[in-house]
Amino acid sequence: METKNADLSTLKIDRSQKNVNPEQKGKLIKMIVGGISVVIILIVIVLLFRSYTSPAVEVKMTFASLQSSAQSSAILTASGYVVAQRKAAVASKGMGRLVYLGVVEGDKVSTNQVIARLEDSDIKAQLDQAKANLKLSQADLNDAEKNYNRQKDLLRTGSVSQMEFDAAETRYNRVLASIEVAKALVTQSEVALENTLVRAPFNGTVLTKNADVGEVVAPMGAGVNSKAAVVTMADMNSLQVEADVSESNIEKIEPNQNCQITLDAYPGRNYAGYVAKIVPTADRGKATVMVKVGFKDYDKRVLPEMSAKVLFLREAMKEESKEEKPNLVVPKTAIVTRSGQQFAFKVHEEKVVQVAVTIGKDFGSYIAVTSGLENGDEVIDNVTDEIKDGVKVKINK
């Protein structure tokens, strides 16, 4: 057969050609590098896709805040404002132009002290006239009284008629009545003159000056361009904090209960207080009851309308806690220990940021943080093993 005679030598590989075409070799290397690059890009895309499509961990946030040791034993916390329980807008009982004002804001005044005066020249003229009329009536009285006594003696002897005696008696009684009228007019003018003086109703401090010299003042601001109150003053010894307490918590409050008062103006100073009064009515709009908290020790730095925080305590406030500086605290559940170091976790652009912290005093459910956080910082609460640096999270509000 012909197949037996076929030349099989043509099927052999020619190994004698050792050199490969450089152009073909370059194309092969480019293909290999391109393939590897495509694989790497695909891997990166897959990883990024997984990171963006993986479900975010839901977290709840809490705040780092300043807290004193008394807060750990507090039954309830409420906010309010300092209010003077004895306060007055002092006005004039008369109407006129203000010619003297002897006080400014911050001045201390005593009861019945003259703090302002209205123009009084017309009132003084009326008073002088009333006094002159009184003297005139008193002069007439001397003549009328002598005539009356003379006519009485003559009537007994029959030297005068009854008609003449009655006329003398009538004149005498009329003069007595005119004297009473003149005295009343003098008193009226004196009262009007006194009404030009504005006096302090009690010992206190001037809070605001409502009118200036030259302005017209009137009772209850009777005129369009007149001022009603000359000054506003308050008894600084009557300052109390008026705080709103929720209806659901009012049963925790009792009269004379010990409290701690902290003013926003002086966060480093705590004031001992007590429940002075629970106002027997509720605010239906806010569902709260007003509680008035008095100061056990007054401080001249405490001013009306300052904002305050009140802690209702189980026991009396200790003396050393008055000057105690508040500690920066967070809930214990916001701190974890990993590899011997304490951490808190913030959230930035929906990702966890790990923050190393140093902890301090234990306040029960709270722990003091001495470094790593600042007042007002928002951190993750109830930290779990899923919470790690860079993990995507969703804040549960």
Protein backbone atom coordinates (compact mmCIF):
# COMPACT_ATOMS: atom_id res chain seq x y z
CA MET A 1 0.00 0.00 0.00
CA GLU A 2 0.97 3.59 -0.53
CA THR A 3 0.87 4.42 3.19
CA LYS A 4 3.73 2.12 3.81
CA ASN A 5 5.86 4.08 1.42
CA ALA A 6 4.97 7.53 2.91
CA ASP A 7 7.82 9.70 4.05
CA LEU A 8 7.34 10.17 7.86
CA SER A 9 10.35 12.38 8.18
CA THR A 10 8.23 15.43 7.40
CA LEU A 11 6.37 14.96 10.70
CA LYS A 12 9.43 15.48 12.88
CA ILE A 13 9.95 18.66 14.88
CA ASP A 14 12.77 20.66 13.62
CA ARG A 15 14.78 21.38 16.76
CA SER A 16 17.52 22.95 14.85
CA GLN A 17 15.69 26.31 14.82
CA LYS A 18 16.75 27.68 18.23
CA ASN A 19 16.08 31.39 17.62
CA VAL A 20 12.46 32.77 17.97
CA ASN A 21 11.22 35.87 16.16
CA PRO A 22 11.69 38.87 18.61
CA GLU A 23 8.48 40.52 17.43
CA GLN A 24 6.43 37.44 18.29
CA LYS A 25 8.14 37.19 21.68
CA GLY A 26 7.26 40.83 22.52
CA LYS A 27 3.64 40.27 21.65
CA LEU A 28 3.54 37.20 23.88
CA ILE A 29 4.95 39.11 26.89
CA LYS A 30 2.47 41.92 26.36
CA MET A 31 -0.38 39.42 26.31
CA ILE A 32 0.79 37.80 29.55
CA VAL A 33 1.22 41.16 31.33
CA GLY A 34 -2.16 42.36 30.08
CA GLY A 35 -3.84 39.20 31.31
CA ILE A 36 -2.30 39.54 34.75
CA SER A 37 -3.40 43.22 34.92
CA VAL A 38 -6.95 42.32 34.01
CA VAL A 39 -7.02 39.65 36.72
CA ILE A 40 -5.71 42.12 39.33
CA ILE A 41 -8.29 44.74 38.32
CA LEU A 42 -11.06 42.18 38.55
CA ILE A 43 -9.94 41.16 42.04
CA VAL A 44 -9.87 44.82 43.21
CA ILE A 45 -13.33 45.43 41.75
CA VAL A 46 -14.71 42.37 43.51
CA LEU A 47 -13.20 43.42 46.86
CA LEU A 48 -14.52 46.96 46.53
CA PHE A 49 -17.91 45.69 45.51
CA ARG A 50 -18.03 43.42 48.55
CA SER A 51 -16.98 46.27 50.87
CA TYR A 52 -19.71 48.57 49.55
CA THR A 53 -22.43 45.96 49.34
CA SER A 54 -21.73 44.34 52.70
CA PRO A 55 -24.42 45.29 55.29
CA ALA A 56 -23.43 48.13 57.66
CA VAL A 57 -23.40 47.44 61.37
CA GLU A 58 -26.13 49.33 63.23
CA VAL A 59 -24.81 51.30 66.20
CA LYS A 60 -26.24 53.58 68.88
CA MET A 61 -24.41 56.74 69.86
CA THR A 62 -23.87 58.41 73.22
CA PHE A 63 -22.07 61.52 74.42
CA ALA A 64 -19.08 62.27 76.62
CA SER A 65 -20.30 64.75 79.27
CA LEU A 66 -19.17 66.44 82.46
CA GLN A 67 -20.52 64.85 85.63
CA SER A 68 -19.89 65.25 89.36
CA SER A 69 -19.72 62.45 91.88
CA ALA A 70 -23.11 63.48 93.27
CA GLN A 71 -24.74 62.54 89.97
CA SER A 72 -24.11 58.88 90.66
CA SER A 73 -26.42 59.10 93.69
CA ALA A 74 -28.94 61.46 92.08
CA ILE A 75 -32.55 60.34 91.88
CA LEU A 76 -33.45 62.80 89.17
CA THR A 77 -31.93 65.58 87.10
CA ALA A 78 -33.76 68.69 85.92
CA SER A 79 -32.89 71.99 84.27
CA GLY A 80 -34.23 75.44 85.01
CA TYR A 81 -33.45 79.08 85.65
CA VAL A 82 -32.61 81.23 88.67
CA VAL A 83 -35.61 83.43 89.51
CA ALA A 84 -36.03 86.05 92.25
CA GLN A 85 -39.12 85.23 94.28
CA ARG A 86 -39.31 88.83 95.50
CA LYS A 87 -39.12 91.18 92.54
CA ALA A 88 -40.76 94.52 91.72
CA ALA A 89 -41.05 96.98 88.87
CA VAL A 90 -40.94 100.17 90.95
CA ALA A 91 -43.14 102.94 89.54
CA SER A 92 -44.40 106.34 90.63
CA LYS A 93 -47.90 106.85 92.01
CA GLY A 94 -47.98 110.27 90.39
CA MET A 95 -47.47 111.49 86.86
CA GLY A 96 -44.73 113.93 85.92
CA ARG A 97 -41.30 114.54 84.47
CA LEU A 98 -38.40 112.67 86.08
CA VAL A 99 -35.91 115.16 87.51
CA TYR A 100 -33.77 112.91 89.71
CA LEU A 101 -32.64 109.28 89.52
CA GLY A 102 -30.21 108.23 92.21
CA VAL A 103 -29.45 104.61 91.27
CA VAL A 104 -28.04 102.55 88.41
CA GLU A 105 -27.98 98.85 87.65
CA GLY A 106 -26.36 96.83 90.44
CA ASP A 107 -26.89 99.40 93.21
CA LYS A 108 -28.16 98.08 96.55
CA VAL A 109 -31.10 99.93 98.07
CA SER A 110 -32.89 99.75 101.41
CA THR A 111 -36.57 99.93 102.32
CA ASN A 112 -38.12 103.42 101.79
CA GLN A 113 -34.92 104.80 100.26
CA VAL A 114 -35.69 107.57 97.73
CA ILE A 115 -34.41 106.32 94.39
CA ALA A 116 -36.09 108.87 92.09
CA ARG A 117 -38.09 112.11 92.18
CA LEU A 118 -40.59 113.76 89.83
CA GLU A 119 -40.98 117.44 89.14
CA ASP A 120 -42.90 118.84 92.16
CA SER A 121 -43.00 122.65 91.88
CA ASP A 122 -46.75 122.71 91.18
CA ILE A 123 -47.48 120.33 94.06
CA LYS A 124 -45.43 122.48 96.45
CA ALA A 125 -47.41 125.55 95.36
CA GLN A 126 -50.67 123.75 96.10
CA LEU A 127 -49.34 122.71 99.50
CA ASP A 128 -48.36 126.29 100.35
CA GLN A 129 -51.83 127.50 99.36
CA ALA A 130 -53.50 124.82 101.48
CA LYS A 131 -51.39 125.77 104.50
CA ALA A 132 -52.25 129.46 104.02
CA ASN A 133 -55.97 128.67 103.88
CA LEU A 134 -55.60 126.67 107.08
CA LYS A 135 -53.99 129.66 108.86
CA LEU A 136 -56.78 131.93 107.60
CA SER A 137 -59.43 129.59 108.93
CA GLN A 138 -57.65 129.33 112.26
CA ALA A 139 -57.57 133.16 112.50
CA ASP A 140 -61.32 133.31 111.84
CA LEU A 141 -61.79 130.71 114.55
CA ASN A 142 -60.38 133.02 117.23
CA ASP A 143 -62.87 135.78 116.41
CA ALA A 144 -65.82 133.40 115.94
CA GLU A 145 -65.13 131.60 119.22
CA LYS A 146 -64.95 134.85 121.26
CA ASN A 147 -68.18 136.13 119.68
CA TYR A 148 -69.91 132.82 120.34
CA ASN A 149 -68.93 132.81 124.05
CA ARG A 150 -69.98 136.48 124.41
CA GLN A 151 -73.40 135.81 122.87
CA LYS A 152 -73.85 132.81 125.15
CA ASP A 153 -73.28 134.95 128.28
CA LEU A 154 -75.61 137.68 127.02
CA LEU A 155 -78.31 135.17 126.23
CA ARG A 156 -78.37 134.06 129.86
CA THR A 157 -79.00 137.67 131.03
CA GLY A 158 -81.52 138.29 128.25
CA SER A 159 -79.44 141.04 126.67
CA VAL A 160 -79.53 139.38 123.18
CA SER A 161 -82.18 137.52 121.31
CA GLN A 162 -82.09 133.84 120.50
CA MET A 163 -81.64 134.72 116.83
CA GLU A 164 -78.44 136.65 117.49
CA PHE A 165 -77.06 133.79 119.54
CA ASP A 166 -77.92 131.22 116.83
CA ALA A 167 -76.12 133.32 114.21
CA ALA A 168 -72.98 133.48 116.36
CA GLU A 169 -73.09 129.70 116.99
CA THR A 170 -73.57 128.99 113.27
CA ARG A 171 -70.58 131.16 112.34
CA TYR A 172 -68.46 129.42 114.96
CA ASN A 173 -69.37 125.92 113.65
CA ARG A 174 -68.76 127.03 110.07
CA VAL A 175 -65.26 128.21 110.93
CA LEU A 176 -64.56 124.87 112.66
CA ALA A 177 -65.68 123.03 109.52
CA SER A 178 -63.55 125.22 107.26
CA ILE A 179 -60.53 124.40 109.39
CA GLU A 180 -61.15 120.67 108.88
CA VAL A 181 -61.46 121.26 105.14
CA ALA A 182 -58.21 123.22 105.13
CA LYS A 183 -56.44 120.46 107.05
CA ALA A 184 -57.71 117.89 104.55
CA LEU A 185 -56.39 120.00 101.66
CA VAL A 186 -53.01 120.25 103.37
CA THR A 187 -52.93 116.46 103.83
CA GLN A 188 -53.96 115.95 100.20
CA SER A 189 -51.16 118.21 98.96
CA GLU A 190 -48.64 116.47 101.22
CA VAL A 191 -49.69 113.08 99.82
CA ALA A 192 -49.37 114.41 96.27
CA LEU A 193 -45.90 115.72 97.13
CA GLU A 194 -44.93 112.33 98.59
CA ASN A 195 -46.17 110.64 95.41
CA THR A 196 -43.52 112.52 93.44
CA LEU A 197 -40.91 110.49 95.34
CA VAL A 198 -40.14 106.93 94.19
CA ARG A 199 -39.08 104.79 97.15
CA ALA A 200 -37.67 101.27 97.35
CA PRO A 201 -40.36 98.85 98.62
CA PHE A 202 -37.83 96.47 100.21
CA ASN A 203 -34.12 95.80 100.62
CA GLY A 204 -32.74 94.66 97.31
CA THR A 205 -30.61 95.27 94.23
CA VAL A 206 -31.47 97.32 91.15
CA LEU A 207 -31.61 95.02 88.13
CA THR A 208 -32.60 97.40 85.32
CA LYS A 209 -33.12 101.13 84.83
CA ASN A 210 -36.30 101.68 82.83
CA ALA A 211 -36.45 105.49 82.66
CA ASP A 212 -34.01 108.38 82.42
CA VAL A 213 -34.04 111.93 83.75
CA GLY A 214 -36.23 114.13 81.56
CA GLU A 215 -38.69 111.42 80.59
CA VAL A 216 -42.32 111.49 81.66
CA VAL A 217 -43.39 108.68 84.00
CA ALA A 218 -46.95 107.76 84.87
CA PRO A 219 -48.77 105.10 86.88
CA MET A 220 -49.30 102.01 84.72
CA GLY A 221 -47.83 103.86 81.74
CA ALA A 222 -50.98 105.92 81.26
CA GLY A 223 -49.49 108.04 78.46
CA VAL A 224 -48.40 106.86 75.03
CA ASN A 225 -44.89 108.27 75.46
CA SER A 226 -44.65 107.79 79.23
CA LYS A 227 -42.79 105.12 81.18
CA ALA A 228 -44.51 103.01 83.85
CA ALA A 229 -41.60 101.59 85.84
CA VAL A 230 -38.61 103.67 86.82
CA VAL A 231 -36.42 100.73 87.90
CA THR A 232 -36.76 96.98 88.35
CA MET A 233 -35.31 95.55 91.53
CA ALA A 234 -35.12 92.19 93.28
CA ASP A 235 -34.31 90.74 96.67
CA MET A 236 -31.22 88.66 95.94
CA ASN A 237 -31.79 86.65 99.13
CA SER A 238 -34.96 85.24 97.57
CA LEU A 239 -33.27 83.62 94.56
CA GLN A 240 -34.47 80.12 93.75
CA VAL A 241 -34.11 77.76 90.80
CA GLU A 242 -37.39 77.07 89.04
CA ALA A 243 -37.10 73.68 87.33
CA ASP A 244 -39.63 71.71 85.30
CA VAL A 245 -40.01 68.08 86.37
CA SER A 246 -41.91 65.56 84.27
CA GLU A 247 -45.28 64.48 85.63
CA SER A 248 -44.12 60.87 85.58
CA ASN A 249 -41.20 61.69 87.92
CA ILE A 250 -42.83 64.15 90.32
CA GLU A 251 -43.51 61.40 92.86
CA LYS A 252 -39.72 61.13 93.38
CA ILE A 253 -39.60 64.72 94.68
CA GLU A 254 -40.37 65.61 98.31
CA PRO A 255 -40.39 68.94 100.21
CA ASN A 256 -37.01 69.82 101.79
CA GLN A 257 -35.28 67.11 99.74
CA ASN A 258 -31.53 67.71 99.37
CA CYS A 259 -30.35 68.96 96.00
CA GLN A 260 -27.20 70.02 94.22
CA ILE A 261 -27.35 73.10 92.00
CA THR A 262 -24.83 73.71 89.23
CA LEU A 263 -24.93 76.91 87.20
CA ASP A 264 -23.84 76.87 83.58
CA ALA A 265 -21.94 80.10 84.27
CA TYR A 266 -19.81 78.46 87.00
CA PRO A 267 -19.46 74.74 86.13
CA GLY A 268 -16.67 74.29 88.68
CA ARG A 269 -18.85 75.37 91.61
CA ASN A 270 -21.69 73.30 93.09
CA TYR A 271 -24.31 74.78 95.44
CA ALA A 272 -26.18 72.92 98.18
CA GLY A 273 -29.94 73.31 97.83
CA TYR A 274 -33.30 71.97 98.96
CA VAL A 275 -36.80 71.59 97.56
CA ALA A 276 -38.55 74.76 98.74
CA LYS A 277 -41.89 74.26 97.02
CA ILE A 278 -43.67 71.95 94.60
CA VAL A 279 -46.10 74.17 92.70
CA PRO A 280 -49.53 72.50 92.96
CA THR A 281 -50.39 72.70 89.28
CA ALA A 282 -49.13 71.14 86.05
CA ASP A 283 -48.33 72.57 82.65
CA ARG A 284 -50.59 70.66 80.30
CA GLY A 285 -48.59 71.74 77.26
CA LYS A 286 -45.26 70.40 78.55
CA ALA A 287 -46.67 67.75 80.95
CA THR A 288 -44.41 69.08 83.68
CA VAL A 289 -44.70 70.37 87.25
CA MET A 290 -42.63 73.34 88.44
CA VAL A 291 -40.36 72.69 91.43
CA LYS A 292 -38.70 75.61 93.24
CA VAL A 293 -35.27 74.80 94.67
CA GLY A 294 -33.76 77.15 97.24
CA PHE A 295 -30.08 77.82 97.97
CA LYS A 296 -28.80 76.82 101.41
CA ASP A 297 -25.93 79.29 101.00
CA TYR A 298 -26.29 82.40 98.85
CA ASP A 299 -23.49 83.61 96.62
CA LYS A 300 -23.33 87.14 95.21
CA ARG A 301 -22.20 85.67 91.89
CA VAL A 302 -25.59 84.01 91.42
CA LEU A 303 -27.78 86.27 89.29
CA PRO A 304 -31.42 86.12 88.18
CA GLU A 305 -32.19 84.34 84.89
CA MET A 306 -29.00 82.23 84.97
CA SER A 307 -29.52 78.71 83.62
CA ALA A 308 -29.00 75.91 86.13
CA LYS A 309 -29.00 72.13 86.48
CA VAL A 310 -30.51 70.55 89.60
CA LEU A 311 -29.68 67.11 90.97
CA PHE A 312 -32.26 65.72 93.39
CA LEU A 313 -30.19 63.64 95.84
CA ARG A 314 -30.85 60.73 98.17
CA GLU A 315 -28.66 62.26 100.88
CA ALA A 316 -27.25 65.65 101.83
CA MET A 317 -24.49 67.11 99.69
CA LYS A 318 -21.00 66.81 101.22
CA GLU A 319 -18.96 69.92 101.93
CA GLU A 320 -15.99 68.82 99.84
CA SER A 321 -18.19 68.34 96.79
CA LYS A 322 -18.92 72.09 96.59
CA GLU A 323 -15.56 72.80 94.96
CA GLU A 324 -15.34 69.47 93.15
CA LYS A 325 -14.61 69.81 89.47
CA PRO A 326 -16.83 67.69 87.24
CA ASN A 327 -15.35 64.67 85.49
CA LEU A 328 -15.65 63.84 81.81
CA VAL A 329 -17.58 60.56 81.71
CA VAL A 330 -19.05 58.12 79.21
CA PRO A 331 -21.15 54.99 79.76
CA LYS A 332 -19.04 51.95 80.59
CA THR A 333 -20.56 50.18 77.60
CA ALA A 334 -18.79 52.70 75.32
CA ILE A 335 -15.31 51.56 76.41
CA VAL A 336 -13.61 48.25 75.47
CA THR A 337 -10.22 46.80 76.33
CA ARG A 338 -8.24 45.23 73.50
CA SER A 339 -4.62 44.13 73.79
CA GLY A 340 -4.36 45.78 77.18
CA GLN A 341 -5.49 49.22 75.90
CA GLN A 342 -8.85 50.96 76.39
CA PHE A 343 -10.62 52.28 73.31
CA ALA A 344 -13.69 54.33 72.44
CA PHE A 345 -15.10 54.52 68.93
CA LYS A 346 -16.24 57.55 66.99
CA VAL A 347 -17.99 57.61 63.60
CA HIS A 348 -16.65 59.62 60.66
CA GLU A 349 -18.29 59.41 57.22
CA GLU A 350 -20.18 56.26 58.26
CA LYS A 351 -16.98 54.47 59.28
CA VAL A 352 -15.63 53.59 62.70
CA VAL A 353 -12.65 55.55 64.02
CA GLN A 354 -10.85 53.92 66.94
CA VAL A 355 -9.68 56.28 69.71
CA ALA A 356 -7.31 55.28 72.49
CA VAL A 357 -8.47 56.61 75.88
CA THR A 358 -7.30 56.68 79.48
CA ILE A 359 -9.95 55.89 82.06
CA GLY A 360 -10.27 57.19 85.62
CA LYS A 361 -12.78 57.09 88.46
CA ASP A 362 -15.71 54.67 88.41
CA PHE A 363 -19.16 56.29 88.69
CA GLY A 364 -21.34 53.19 88.65
CA SER A 365 -22.73 52.88 85.14
CA TYR A 366 -20.34 55.61 83.97
CA ILE A 367 -16.56 55.78 83.82
CA ALA A 368 -14.35 58.87 83.84
CA VAL A 369 -12.15 59.51 80.80
CA THR A 370 -9.01 61.51 81.55
CA SER A 371 -7.63 61.66 78.00
CA GLY A 372 -8.64 60.87 74.44
CA LEU A 373 -12.10 62.50 74.46
CA GLU A 374 -13.55 65.97 74.99
CA ASN A 375 -16.82 67.21 76.40
CA GLY A 376 -19.59 66.73 73.82
CA ASP A 377 -17.78 64.05 71.76
CA GLU A 378 -20.17 61.48 70.29
CA VAL A 379 -19.07 57.85 70.68
CA ILE A 380 -20.56 54.43 69.96
CA ASP A 381 -22.46 52.87 72.86
CA ASN A 382 -22.78 49.11 73.53
CA VAL A 383 -19.60 48.24 71.63
CA THR A 384 -19.50 44.67 70.25
CA ASP A 385 -16.77 42.57 68.62
CA GLU A 386 -18.03 43.71 65.19
CA ILE A 387 -17.01 47.30 65.95
CA LYS A 388 -13.49 47.72 64.61
CA ASP A 389 -11.49 50.52 63.07
CA GLY A 390 -12.73 51.21 59.51
CA VAL A 391 -15.92 49.12 59.75
CA LYS A 392 -18.92 50.61 57.98
CA VAL A 393 -21.74 51.45 60.37
CA LYS A 394 -25.25 52.86 60.34
CA ILE A 395 -26.29 55.11 63.22
CA ASN A 396 -29.54 53.97 64.79
CA LYS A 397 -31.41 57.04 65.97
